Amino acid sequence: MTANCVSKAILRAALDEFLRAHPDKLNRVYFYFPSYEIVTDAMRDPYVDDSRHLYPSVVERVLALFARFYTSLPADEPETTRADAHIEDRELADRIEELERDNAELQGVCGERLRVIEELDRAARERLAVIERLDALCKQLQNPNP
């Protein structure tokens, strides 16, 4: 994760230096489209479970933004937008179901651990009671005349 972040930062810094060195050509010959920043900063949960690949709907949204600002394609959203929204809704629903399954599994693990903790607590309290009784007996034996 850190290596990925470093490599992206190095590439972005190098590109920024290049663009600053060519201000006369910036936004005429050389353009920068912030697709990475759009994905990482403007979209919620854009990655599939492997945390490396994007959901197809995210890719399509970024490409639609690119086409809107850098091509002569019509400014209207493509007709697939409704289908994309449906796909995104389905992906979101799938992700919610997956998170609910993970949550249920974690709740089960937490319940098991709580039972172990409660059992350990009970055993510790029993042992502490024995220790306190033995301590009282030792004091009685050390001081036979109260």
C-alpha atoms as a PDB file:
ATOM      1  CA  MET A   1       0.000   0.000   0.000  1.00  0.00           C
ATOM      2  CA  THR A   2       2.757   2.448   0.924  1.00  0.00           C
ATOM      3  CA  ALA A   3       4.830   1.552  -2.146  1.00  0.00           C
ATOM      4  CA  ASN A   4       1.791   2.221  -4.334  1.00  0.00           C
ATOM      5  CA  CYS A   5       1.231   5.602  -2.686  1.00  0.00           C
ATOM      6  CA  VAL A   6       4.906   6.554  -3.071  1.00  0.00           C
ATOM      7  CA  SER A   7       5.029   5.527  -6.727  1.00  0.00           C
ATOM      8  CA  LYS A   8       1.876   7.521  -7.520  1.00  0.00           C
ATOM      9  CA  ALA A   9       3.279  10.565  -5.697  1.00  0.00           C
ATOM     10  CA  ILE A  10       6.584  10.353  -7.595  1.00  0.00           C
ATOM     11  CA  LEU A  11       4.813  10.082 -10.949  1.00  0.00           C
ATOM     12  CA  ARG A  12       2.455  12.957 -10.117  1.00  0.00           C
ATOM     13  CA  ALA A  13       5.325  15.172  -8.928  1.00  0.00           C
ATOM     14  CA  ALA A  14       7.342  14.423 -12.075  1.00  0.00           C
ATOM     15  CA  LEU A  15       4.350  15.225 -14.270  1.00  0.00           C
ATOM     16  CA  ASP A  16       3.747  18.448 -12.366  1.00  0.00           C
ATOM     17  CA  GLU A  17       7.379  19.487 -12.888  1.00  0.00           C
ATOM     18  CA  PHE A  18       7.085  18.719 -16.599  1.00  0.00           C
ATOM     19  CA  LEU A  19       3.889  20.734 -16.965  1.00  0.00           C
ATOM     20  CA  ARG A  20       5.380  23.670 -15.027  1.00  0.00           C
ATOM     21  CA  ALA A  21       8.379  23.622 -17.361  1.00  0.00           C
ATOM     22  CA  HIS A  22       6.046  24.060 -20.358  1.00  0.00           C
ATOM     23  CA  PRO A  23       3.522  26.731 -19.307  1.00  0.00           C
ATOM     24  CA  ASP A  24       3.137  27.955 -22.893  1.00  0.00           C
ATOM     25  CA  LYS A  25       1.850  24.535 -23.963  1.00  0.00           C
ATOM     26  CA  LEU A  26      -0.203  23.741 -20.859  1.00  0.00           C
ATOM     27  CA  ASN A  27      -3.871  23.197 -21.713  1.00  0.00           C
ATOM     28  CA  ARG A  28      -3.092  23.726 -25.402  1.00  0.00           C
ATOM     29  CA  VAL A  29      -0.755  20.854 -26.219  1.00  0.00           C
ATOM     30  CA  TYR A  30      -0.279  19.198 -22.830  1.00  0.00           C
ATOM     31  CA  PHE A  31      -3.266  18.372 -20.661  1.00  0.00           C
ATOM     32  CA  TYR A  32      -3.684  16.633 -17.368  1.00  0.00           C
ATOM     33  CA  PHE A  33      -6.858  14.722 -16.608  1.00  0.00           C
ATOM     34  CA  PRO A  34      -7.021  13.852 -12.896  1.00  0.00           C
ATOM     35  CA  SER A  35      -8.534  10.386 -13.228  1.00  0.00           C
ATOM     36  CA  TYR A  36      -6.564   8.982 -10.284  1.00  0.00           C
ATOM     37  CA  GLU A  37      -7.619  11.870  -8.061  1.00  0.00           C
ATOM     38  CA  ILE A  38     -11.243  11.543  -9.177  1.00  0.00           C
ATOM     39  CA  VAL A  39     -11.248   7.875  -8.227  1.00  0.00           C
ATOM     40  CA  THR A  40      -9.397   8.215  -4.922  1.00  0.00           C
ATOM     41  CA  ASP A  41     -10.820  11.525  -3.677  1.00  0.00           C
ATOM     42  CA  ALA A  42     -14.258  11.912  -5.222  1.00  0.00           C
ATOM     43  CA  MET A  43     -15.694   8.403  -5.333  1.00  0.00           C
ATOM     44  CA  ARG A  44     -16.836   6.327  -2.422  1.00  0.00           C
ATOM     45  CA  ASP A  45     -15.612   2.726  -2.322  1.00  0.00           C
ATOM     46  CA  PRO A  46     -14.384   2.587  -5.952  1.00  0.00           C
ATOM     47  CA  TYR A  47     -12.381  -0.646  -5.612  1.00  0.00           C
ATOM     48  CA  VAL A  48     -13.534  -4.246  -5.812  1.00  0.00           C
ATOM     49  CA  ASP A  49     -12.545  -6.596  -2.988  1.00  0.00           C
ATOM     50  CA  ASP A  50      -8.940  -6.972  -4.128  1.00  0.00           C
ATOM     51  CA  SER A  51      -8.408  -3.218  -3.491  1.00  0.00           C
ATOM     52  CA  ARG A  52      -6.519  -3.021  -6.795  1.00  0.00           C
ATOM     53  CA  HIS A  53      -9.189  -3.026  -9.486  1.00  0.00           C
ATOM     54  CA  LEU A  54     -12.035  -0.587  -9.977  1.00  0.00           C
ATOM     55  CA  TYR A  55     -15.674  -1.423 -10.327  1.00  0.00           C
ATOM     56  CA  PRO A  56     -16.621  -1.251 -14.034  1.00  0.00           C
ATOM     57  CA  SER A  57     -19.126   1.517 -13.298  1.00  0.00           C
ATOM     58  CA  VAL A  58     -16.332   3.663 -11.806  1.00  0.00           C
ATOM     59  CA  VAL A  59     -14.224   3.230 -14.936  1.00  0.00           C
ATOM     60  CA  GLU A  60     -17.219   4.140 -17.096  1.00  0.00           C
ATOM     61  CA  ARG A  61     -17.929   7.269 -15.034  1.00  0.00           C
ATOM     62  CA  VAL A  62     -14.306   8.442 -15.281  1.00  0.00           C
ATOM     63  CA  LEU A  63     -14.253   7.784 -19.025  1.00  0.00           C
ATOM     64  CA  ALA A  64     -17.541   9.662 -19.429  1.00  0.00           C
ATOM     65  CA  LEU A  65     -16.006  12.647 -17.610  1.00  0.00           C
ATOM     66  CA  PHE A  66     -12.936  12.457 -19.820  1.00  0.00           C
ATOM     67  CA  ALA A  67     -15.067  12.317 -22.956  1.00  0.00           C
ATOM     68  CA  ARG A  68     -17.166  15.235 -21.740  1.00  0.00           C
ATOM     69  CA  PHE A  69     -14.181  17.542 -21.200  1.00  0.00           C
ATOM     70  CA  TYR A  70     -11.656  16.347 -23.779  1.00  0.00           C
ATOM     71  CA  THR A  71     -13.608  15.183 -26.801  1.00  0.00           C
ATOM     72  CA  SER A  72     -16.251  16.515 -29.113  1.00  0.00           C
ATOM     73  CA  LEU A  73     -18.719  13.822 -28.129  1.00  0.00           C
ATOM     74  CA  PRO A  74     -22.167  15.115 -27.184  1.00  0.00           C
ATOM     75  CA  ALA A  75     -22.352  16.587 -23.701  1.00  0.00           C
ATOM     76  CA  ASP A  76     -25.406  14.462 -22.906  1.00  0.00           C
ATOM     77  CA  GLU A  77     -24.815  11.467 -20.733  1.00  0.00           C
ATOM     78  CA  PRO A  78     -24.837   8.263 -22.793  1.00  0.00           C
ATOM     79  CA  GLU A  79     -27.992   6.208 -22.679  1.00  0.00           C
ATOM     80  CA  THR A  80     -26.150   3.565 -20.727  1.00  0.00           C
ATOM     81  CA  THR A  81     -26.170   5.893 -17.707  1.00  0.00           C
ATOM     82  CA  ARG A  82     -29.391   4.339 -16.419  1.00  0.00           C
ATOM     83  CA  ALA A  83     -27.923   0.888 -16.916  1.00  0.00           C
ATOM     84  CA  ASP A  84     -24.731   2.061 -15.232  1.00  0.00           C
ATOM     85  CA  ALA A  85     -26.748   3.400 -12.315  1.00  0.00           C
ATOM     86  CA  HIS A  86     -28.534   0.057 -12.107  1.00  0.00           C
ATOM     87  CA  ILE A  87     -25.177  -1.745 -12.212  1.00  0.00           C
ATOM     88  CA  GLU A  88     -23.806   0.608  -9.570  1.00  0.00           C
ATOM     89  CA  ASP A  89     -26.922   0.057  -7.437  1.00  0.00           C
ATOM     90  CA  ARG A  90     -26.518  -3.700  -7.849  1.00  0.00           C
ATOM     91  CA  GLU A  91     -22.806  -3.471  -7.001  1.00  0.00           C
ATOM     92  CA  LEU A  92     -23.663  -1.355  -3.979  1.00  0.00           C
ATOM     93  CA  ALA A  93     -26.315  -3.863  -2.910  1.00  0.00           C
ATOM     94  CA  ASP A  94     -23.828  -6.710  -3.402  1.00  0.00           C
ATOM     95  CA  ARG A  95     -21.242  -4.817  -1.357  1.00  0.00           C
ATOM     96  CA  ILE A  96     -23.788  -4.179   1.403  1.00  0.00           C
ATOM     97  CA  GLU A  97     -24.707  -7.882   1.465  1.00  0.00           C
ATOM     98  CA  GLU A  98     -21.029  -8.800   1.624  1.00  0.00           C
ATOM     99  CA  LEU A  99     -20.452  -6.351   4.471  1.00  0.00           C
ATOM    100  CA  GLU A 100     -23.504  -7.711   6.305  1.00  0.00           C
ATOM    101  CA  ARG A 101     -22.133 -11.267   5.952  1.00  0.00           C
ATOM    102  CA  ASP A 102     -18.735 -10.104   7.192  1.00  0.00           C
ATOM    103  CA  ASN A 103     -20.427  -8.289  10.072  1.00  0.00           C
ATOM    104  CA  ALA A 104     -22.418 -11.383  11.043  1.00  0.00           C
ATOM    105  CA  GLU A 105     -19.252 -13.480  10.954  1.00  0.00           C
ATOM    106  CA  LEU A 106     -17.395 -10.928  13.081  1.00  0.00           C
ATOM    107  CA  GLN A 107     -20.305 -10.776  15.512  1.00  0.00           C
ATOM    108  CA  GLY A 108     -20.047 -14.556  15.870  1.00  0.00           C
ATOM    109  CA  VAL A 109     -16.323 -14.310  16.530  1.00  0.00           C
ATOM    110  CA  CYS A 110     -16.929 -11.523  19.046  1.00  0.00           C
ATOM    111  CA  GLY A 111     -19.592 -13.638  20.769  1.00  0.00           C
ATOM    112  CA  GLU A 112     -17.199 -16.583  21.040  1.00  0.00           C
ATOM    113  CA  ARG A 113     -14.458 -14.358  22.424  1.00  0.00           C
ATOM    114  CA  LEU A 114     -16.856 -12.783  24.906  1.00  0.00           C
ATOM    115  CA  ARG A 115     -17.825 -16.258  26.160  1.00  0.00           C
ATOM    116  CA  VAL A 116     -14.124 -17.124  26.604  1.00  0.00           C
ATOM    117  CA  ILE A 117     -13.511 -13.820  28.407  1.00  0.00           C
ATOM    118  CA  GLU A 118     -16.492 -14.401  30.699  1.00  0.00           C
ATOM    119  CA  GLU A 119     -15.271 -17.927  31.452  1.00  0.00           C
ATOM    120  CA  LEU A 120     -11.764 -16.648  32.191  1.00  0.00           C
ATOM    121  CA  ASP A 121     -13.231 -13.924  34.393  1.00  0.00           C
ATOM    122  CA  ARG A 122     -15.266 -16.497  36.338  1.00  0.00           C
ATOM    123  CA  ALA A 123     -12.211 -18.727  36.768  1.00  0.00           C
ATOM    124  CA  ALA A 124     -10.087 -15.744  37.859  1.00  0.00           C
ATOM    125  CA  ARG A 125     -12.713 -14.698  40.424  1.00  0.00           C
ATOM    126  CA  GLU A 126     -12.852 -18.249  41.813  1.00  0.00           C
ATOM    127  CA  ARG A 127      -9.073 -18.343  42.106  1.00  0.00           C
ATOM    128  CA  LEU A 128      -9.025 -14.915  43.725  1.00  0.00           C
ATOM    129  CA  ALA A 129     -11.566 -16.099  46.292  1.00  0.00           C
ATOM    130  CA  VAL A 130      -9.347 -19.119  47.050  1.00  0.00           C
ATOM    131  CA  ILE A 131      -6.318 -16.844  47.365  1.00  0.00           C
ATOM    132  CA  GLU A 132      -8.195 -14.517  49.710  1.00  0.00           C
ATOM    133  CA  ARG A 133      -9.287 -17.491  51.895  1.00  0.00           C
ATOM    134  CA  LEU A 134      -5.724 -18.842  51.960  1.00  0.00           C
ATOM    135  CA  ASP A 135      -4.401 -15.371  52.786  1.00  0.00           C
ATOM    136  CA  ALA A 136      -6.856 -15.111  55.687  1.00  0.00           C
ATOM    137  CA  LEU A 137      -5.832 -18.587  56.930  1.00  0.00           C
ATOM    138  CA  CYS A 138      -2.130 -17.657  56.684  1.00  0.00           C
ATOM    139  CA  LYS A 139      -2.778 -14.542  58.765  1.00  0.00           C
ATOM    140  CA  GLN A 140      -4.651 -16.595  61.335  1.00  0.00           C
ATOM    141  CA  LEU A 141      -1.752 -19.079  61.546  1.00  0.00           C
ATOM    142  CA  GLN A 142       0.769 -16.254  61.896  1.00  0.00           C
ATOM    143  CA  ASN A 143      -1.319 -14.583  64.581  1.00  0.00           C
ATOM    144  CA  PRO A 144      -3.006 -17.429  66.508  1.00  0.00           C
ATOM    145  CA  ASN A 145      -4.257 -15.128  69.281  1.00  0.00           C
ATOM    146  CA  PRO A 146      -6.743 -12.608  67.964  1.00  0.00           C
END
